[in-house]
N, C-alpha and C. Protein backbone atom coordinates (compact mmCIF):
# COMPACT_ATOMS: atom_id res chain seq x y z
N MET A 1 -1.05 -15.44 3.79
CA MET A 1 -1.72 -14.82 2.68
C MET A 1 -1.27 -13.37 2.66
N GLN A 2 -0.97 -12.87 1.48
CA GLN A 2 -0.57 -11.47 1.35
C GLN A 2 -1.29 -10.84 0.17
N SER A 3 -1.61 -9.57 0.33
CA SER A 3 -2.35 -8.88 -0.72
C SER A 3 -2.09 -7.38 -0.64
N PHE A 4 -2.13 -6.72 -1.80
CA PHE A 4 -2.05 -5.27 -1.85
C PHE A 4 -3.40 -4.64 -1.52
N ASP A 5 -4.46 -5.39 -1.70
CA ASP A 5 -5.80 -4.83 -1.58
C ASP A 5 -6.48 -5.25 -0.28
N PRO A 6 -6.91 -4.29 0.55
CA PRO A 6 -7.55 -4.64 1.81
C PRO A 6 -8.87 -5.37 1.62
N ALA A 7 -9.54 -5.14 0.49
CA ALA A 7 -10.83 -5.80 0.26
C ALA A 7 -10.68 -7.32 0.24
N SER A 8 -9.62 -7.81 -0.37
CA SER A 8 -9.43 -9.26 -0.43
C SER A 8 -9.09 -9.82 0.95
N LEU A 9 -8.29 -9.10 1.72
CA LEU A 9 -7.96 -9.57 3.07
C LEU A 9 -9.19 -9.54 3.98
N LYS A 10 -10.01 -8.51 3.86
CA LYS A 10 -11.24 -8.43 4.65
C LYS A 10 -12.19 -9.57 4.29
N TYR A 11 -12.28 -9.87 3.00
CA TYR A 11 -13.13 -10.98 2.57
C TYR A 11 -12.64 -12.30 3.17
N LEU A 12 -11.35 -12.56 3.06
CA LEU A 12 -10.80 -13.81 3.59
C LEU A 12 -10.96 -13.89 5.11
N ARG A 13 -10.78 -12.77 5.79
CA ARG A 13 -10.96 -12.74 7.24
C ARG A 13 -12.42 -13.05 7.58
N SER A 14 -13.36 -12.53 6.78
CA SER A 14 -14.79 -12.79 7.04
C SER A 14 -15.16 -14.25 6.82
N ARG A 15 -14.34 -14.95 6.04
CA ARG A 15 -14.55 -16.38 5.78
C ARG A 15 -13.79 -17.26 6.78
N ASN A 16 -13.25 -16.60 7.83
CA ASN A 16 -12.55 -17.29 8.92
C ASN A 16 -11.29 -18.02 8.48
N LEU A 17 -10.60 -17.47 7.49
CA LEU A 17 -9.32 -18.04 7.09
C LEU A 17 -8.36 -17.93 8.27
N LYS A 18 -7.74 -19.01 8.64
CA LYS A 18 -6.88 -19.04 9.83
C LYS A 18 -5.42 -18.69 9.53
N ALA A 19 -5.06 -18.52 8.27
CA ALA A 19 -3.69 -18.18 7.90
C ALA A 19 -3.35 -16.76 8.33
N LYS A 20 -2.08 -16.48 8.52
CA LYS A 20 -1.62 -15.12 8.80
C LYS A 20 -1.81 -14.29 7.53
N MET A 21 -2.22 -13.06 7.71
CA MET A 21 -2.45 -12.18 6.56
C MET A 21 -1.55 -10.96 6.65
N VAL A 22 -0.97 -10.59 5.50
CA VAL A 22 -0.03 -9.47 5.43
C VAL A 22 -0.51 -8.49 4.37
N ARG A 23 -0.54 -7.24 4.73
CA ARG A 23 -0.92 -6.17 3.80
C ARG A 23 0.35 -5.67 3.12
N LEU A 24 0.41 -5.81 1.80
CA LEU A 24 1.55 -5.35 1.01
C LEU A 24 1.38 -3.88 0.68
N MET A 25 2.47 -3.14 0.71
CA MET A 25 2.45 -1.71 0.41
C MET A 25 3.37 -1.44 -0.77
N VAL A 26 3.02 -0.46 -1.60
CA VAL A 26 3.84 -0.14 -2.76
C VAL A 26 3.61 1.31 -3.16
N GLY A 27 4.47 1.82 -3.99
CA GLY A 27 4.31 3.16 -4.55
C GLY A 27 4.45 3.09 -6.06
N ASN A 28 4.46 4.24 -6.70
CA ASN A 28 4.60 4.30 -8.16
C ASN A 28 6.02 4.55 -8.61
N GLY A 29 6.88 4.99 -7.70
CA GLY A 29 8.25 5.28 -8.07
C GLY A 29 9.01 5.90 -6.93
N ILE A 30 10.23 6.33 -7.23
CA ILE A 30 11.11 6.93 -6.23
C ILE A 30 11.70 8.21 -6.81
N ASP A 31 11.70 9.26 -6.01
CA ASP A 31 12.41 10.48 -6.37
C ASP A 31 13.85 10.28 -5.89
N PHE A 32 14.75 9.97 -6.79
CA PHE A 32 16.12 9.63 -6.40
C PHE A 32 16.92 10.84 -5.90
N ARG A 33 16.41 12.06 -6.10
CA ARG A 33 17.07 13.23 -5.53
C ARG A 33 16.83 13.32 -4.03
N THR A 34 15.61 12.97 -3.60
CA THR A 34 15.26 13.09 -2.19
C THR A 34 15.14 11.75 -1.48
N GLY A 35 14.95 10.69 -2.25
CA GLY A 35 14.72 9.37 -1.66
C GLY A 35 13.27 9.11 -1.31
N ALA A 36 12.38 10.07 -1.59
CA ALA A 36 10.97 9.94 -1.25
C ALA A 36 10.25 8.98 -2.19
N THR A 37 9.31 8.25 -1.65
CA THR A 37 8.46 7.39 -2.46
C THR A 37 7.38 8.23 -3.12
N ILE A 38 7.13 7.98 -4.39
CA ILE A 38 6.10 8.68 -5.15
C ILE A 38 4.87 7.78 -5.19
N TYR A 39 3.74 8.28 -4.77
CA TYR A 39 2.51 7.48 -4.78
C TYR A 39 1.57 7.91 -5.89
N ASN A 40 1.32 9.20 -5.99
CA ASN A 40 0.36 9.72 -6.95
C ASN A 40 1.09 10.13 -8.22
N THR A 41 0.62 9.64 -9.34
CA THR A 41 1.19 10.02 -10.63
C THR A 41 0.07 10.19 -11.64
N ARG A 42 0.29 11.00 -12.62
CA ARG A 42 -0.74 11.22 -13.64
C ARG A 42 -0.53 10.31 -14.86
N GLN A 43 0.45 9.43 -14.79
CA GLN A 43 0.68 8.53 -15.92
C GLN A 43 -0.46 7.51 -15.99
N VAL A 44 -1.08 7.40 -17.15
CA VAL A 44 -2.22 6.51 -17.33
C VAL A 44 -1.85 5.06 -17.02
N SER A 45 -0.64 4.64 -17.35
CA SER A 45 -0.25 3.25 -17.16
C SER A 45 -0.10 2.87 -15.69
N THR A 46 -0.03 3.86 -14.79
CA THR A 46 0.15 3.56 -13.36
C THR A 46 -0.96 4.18 -12.52
N PHE A 47 -2.16 4.28 -13.08
CA PHE A 47 -3.23 5.00 -12.38
C PHE A 47 -3.66 4.34 -11.07
N ALA A 48 -3.36 3.07 -10.89
CA ALA A 48 -3.82 2.41 -9.67
C ALA A 48 -2.72 1.76 -8.86
N SER A 49 -1.50 1.70 -9.34
CA SER A 49 -0.49 0.94 -8.62
C SER A 49 -0.02 1.61 -7.34
N GLY A 50 -0.34 2.86 -7.12
CA GLY A 50 0.01 3.53 -5.88
C GLY A 50 -1.07 3.40 -4.82
N ARG A 51 -2.10 2.63 -5.13
CA ARG A 51 -3.19 2.39 -4.18
C ARG A 51 -3.90 1.08 -4.54
N PRO A 52 -4.65 0.53 -3.60
CA PRO A 52 -5.40 -0.69 -3.91
C PRO A 52 -6.44 -0.45 -5.00
N TYR A 53 -6.62 -1.43 -5.86
CA TYR A 53 -7.55 -1.27 -6.97
C TYR A 53 -8.98 -1.09 -6.49
N SER A 54 -9.34 -1.71 -5.37
CA SER A 54 -10.71 -1.55 -4.86
C SER A 54 -10.97 -0.08 -4.49
N TRP A 55 -9.92 0.64 -4.07
CA TRP A 55 -10.09 2.06 -3.77
C TRP A 55 -10.35 2.84 -5.06
N THR A 56 -9.65 2.47 -6.13
CA THR A 56 -9.85 3.13 -7.41
C THR A 56 -11.28 2.91 -7.89
N LEU A 57 -11.77 1.68 -7.80
CA LEU A 57 -13.14 1.37 -8.23
C LEU A 57 -14.16 2.14 -7.40
N ALA A 58 -13.88 2.32 -6.11
CA ALA A 58 -14.81 3.02 -5.22
C ALA A 58 -14.69 4.54 -5.30
N GLY A 59 -13.71 5.03 -6.08
CA GLY A 59 -13.50 6.47 -6.20
C GLY A 59 -12.78 7.08 -5.01
N ASP A 60 -12.15 6.24 -4.20
CA ASP A 60 -11.40 6.72 -3.04
C ASP A 60 -10.11 7.37 -3.52
N PRO A 61 -9.82 8.61 -3.14
CA PRO A 61 -8.65 9.32 -3.65
C PRO A 61 -7.34 8.99 -2.93
N LEU A 62 -7.37 8.17 -1.87
CA LEU A 62 -6.17 7.89 -1.09
C LEU A 62 -5.17 7.00 -1.83
N TYR A 63 -3.91 7.10 -1.40
CA TYR A 63 -2.84 6.25 -1.91
C TYR A 63 -2.23 5.50 -0.74
N PHE A 64 -1.29 4.60 -1.01
CA PHE A 64 -0.71 3.78 0.04
C PHE A 64 -0.08 4.58 1.17
N ASP A 65 0.37 5.82 0.90
CA ASP A 65 0.97 6.60 1.98
C ASP A 65 -0.01 6.86 3.12
N ALA A 66 -1.31 6.84 2.84
CA ALA A 66 -2.32 7.03 3.88
C ALA A 66 -2.30 5.88 4.89
N MET A 67 -1.77 4.74 4.49
CA MET A 67 -1.74 3.58 5.38
C MET A 67 -0.63 3.67 6.42
N PHE A 68 0.28 4.63 6.26
CA PHE A 68 1.36 4.80 7.23
C PHE A 68 1.01 5.80 8.32
N THR A 69 -0.22 6.29 8.33
CA THR A 69 -0.69 7.16 9.40
C THR A 69 -1.24 6.30 10.53
N SER A 70 -1.49 6.90 11.67
CA SER A 70 -2.07 6.15 12.80
C SER A 70 -3.42 5.53 12.41
N ALA A 71 -4.25 6.31 11.74
CA ALA A 71 -5.56 5.81 11.31
C ALA A 71 -5.42 4.68 10.29
N GLY A 72 -4.47 4.83 9.37
CA GLY A 72 -4.25 3.79 8.36
C GLY A 72 -3.78 2.49 8.97
N LEU A 73 -2.84 2.57 9.90
CA LEU A 73 -2.34 1.36 10.57
C LEU A 73 -3.44 0.71 11.41
N ALA A 74 -4.30 1.51 12.03
CA ALA A 74 -5.43 0.95 12.79
C ALA A 74 -6.38 0.21 11.86
N GLU A 75 -6.59 0.74 10.65
CA GLU A 75 -7.46 0.07 9.68
C GLU A 75 -6.85 -1.24 9.21
N ILE A 76 -5.54 -1.25 8.98
CA ILE A 76 -4.86 -2.47 8.57
C ILE A 76 -5.01 -3.55 9.64
N LYS A 77 -4.96 -3.14 10.88
CA LYS A 77 -5.05 -4.09 11.99
C LYS A 77 -6.38 -4.86 11.99
N THR A 78 -7.41 -4.29 11.36
CA THR A 78 -8.71 -4.96 11.32
C THR A 78 -8.74 -6.15 10.36
N CYS A 79 -7.77 -6.20 9.43
CA CYS A 79 -7.83 -7.27 8.43
C CYS A 79 -6.50 -7.98 8.20
N ALA A 80 -5.43 -7.51 8.80
CA ALA A 80 -4.12 -8.13 8.55
C ALA A 80 -3.33 -8.26 9.85
N ASP A 81 -2.42 -9.22 9.83
CA ASP A 81 -1.55 -9.46 10.99
C ASP A 81 -0.27 -8.65 10.92
N GLY A 82 0.04 -8.09 9.77
CA GLY A 82 1.25 -7.30 9.60
C GLY A 82 1.26 -6.61 8.26
N ILE A 83 2.32 -5.83 8.02
CA ILE A 83 2.49 -5.15 6.73
C ILE A 83 3.84 -5.53 6.15
N SER A 84 3.94 -5.39 4.85
CA SER A 84 5.20 -5.60 4.15
C SER A 84 5.45 -4.37 3.27
N PRO A 85 6.22 -3.41 3.78
CA PRO A 85 6.47 -2.19 3.01
C PRO A 85 7.34 -2.44 1.78
N TRP A 86 7.22 -1.54 0.84
CA TRP A 86 8.05 -1.53 -0.35
C TRP A 86 9.45 -1.10 0.08
N LYS A 87 10.47 -1.52 -0.64
CA LYS A 87 11.86 -1.23 -0.25
C LYS A 87 12.11 0.24 0.02
N SER A 88 11.63 1.11 -0.85
CA SER A 88 11.91 2.54 -0.67
C SER A 88 11.18 3.14 0.52
N GLN A 89 10.21 2.42 1.06
CA GLN A 89 9.53 2.90 2.25
C GLN A 89 10.32 2.56 3.52
N ARG A 90 11.34 1.75 3.40
CA ARG A 90 12.17 1.34 4.53
C ARG A 90 13.63 1.74 4.40
N LEU A 91 14.11 1.87 3.16
CA LEU A 91 15.51 2.20 2.90
C LEU A 91 15.62 3.52 2.18
N SER A 92 16.65 4.27 2.47
CA SER A 92 16.89 5.51 1.77
C SER A 92 17.53 5.19 0.42
N LEU A 93 16.85 5.49 -0.66
CA LEU A 93 17.37 5.24 -2.00
C LEU A 93 17.58 6.58 -2.69
N ARG A 94 18.81 7.06 -2.65
CA ARG A 94 19.15 8.33 -3.29
C ARG A 94 20.36 8.15 -4.18
N ILE A 95 20.37 8.93 -5.24
CA ILE A 95 21.52 8.95 -6.13
C ILE A 95 22.22 10.28 -5.91
N LEU A 96 23.45 10.22 -5.50
CA LEU A 96 24.22 11.44 -5.25
C LEU A 96 25.05 11.79 -6.47
N PRO A 97 25.12 13.08 -6.79
CA PRO A 97 25.90 13.48 -7.98
C PRO A 97 27.38 13.23 -7.79
């Protein structure tokens, strides 16, 4: 089972689902000059894609980049067996002039 939202994984874990669970990670875009992943954007059409929707509903200001900290990874461990990062979080994606 894989999900972008920790709330769904926590719910399934509480129901004793025996399947392996994977936390999916994503951002809103890539800065091709630096290769950095962009999480926070002011574009209305992407107001939640840089973070789990349950965080948006709860008013939590964090984005997926918070999950790559020691505290974030410890939180993921409570509900998932692993993570699946977005490509730009693992590969350098830059456009050189």
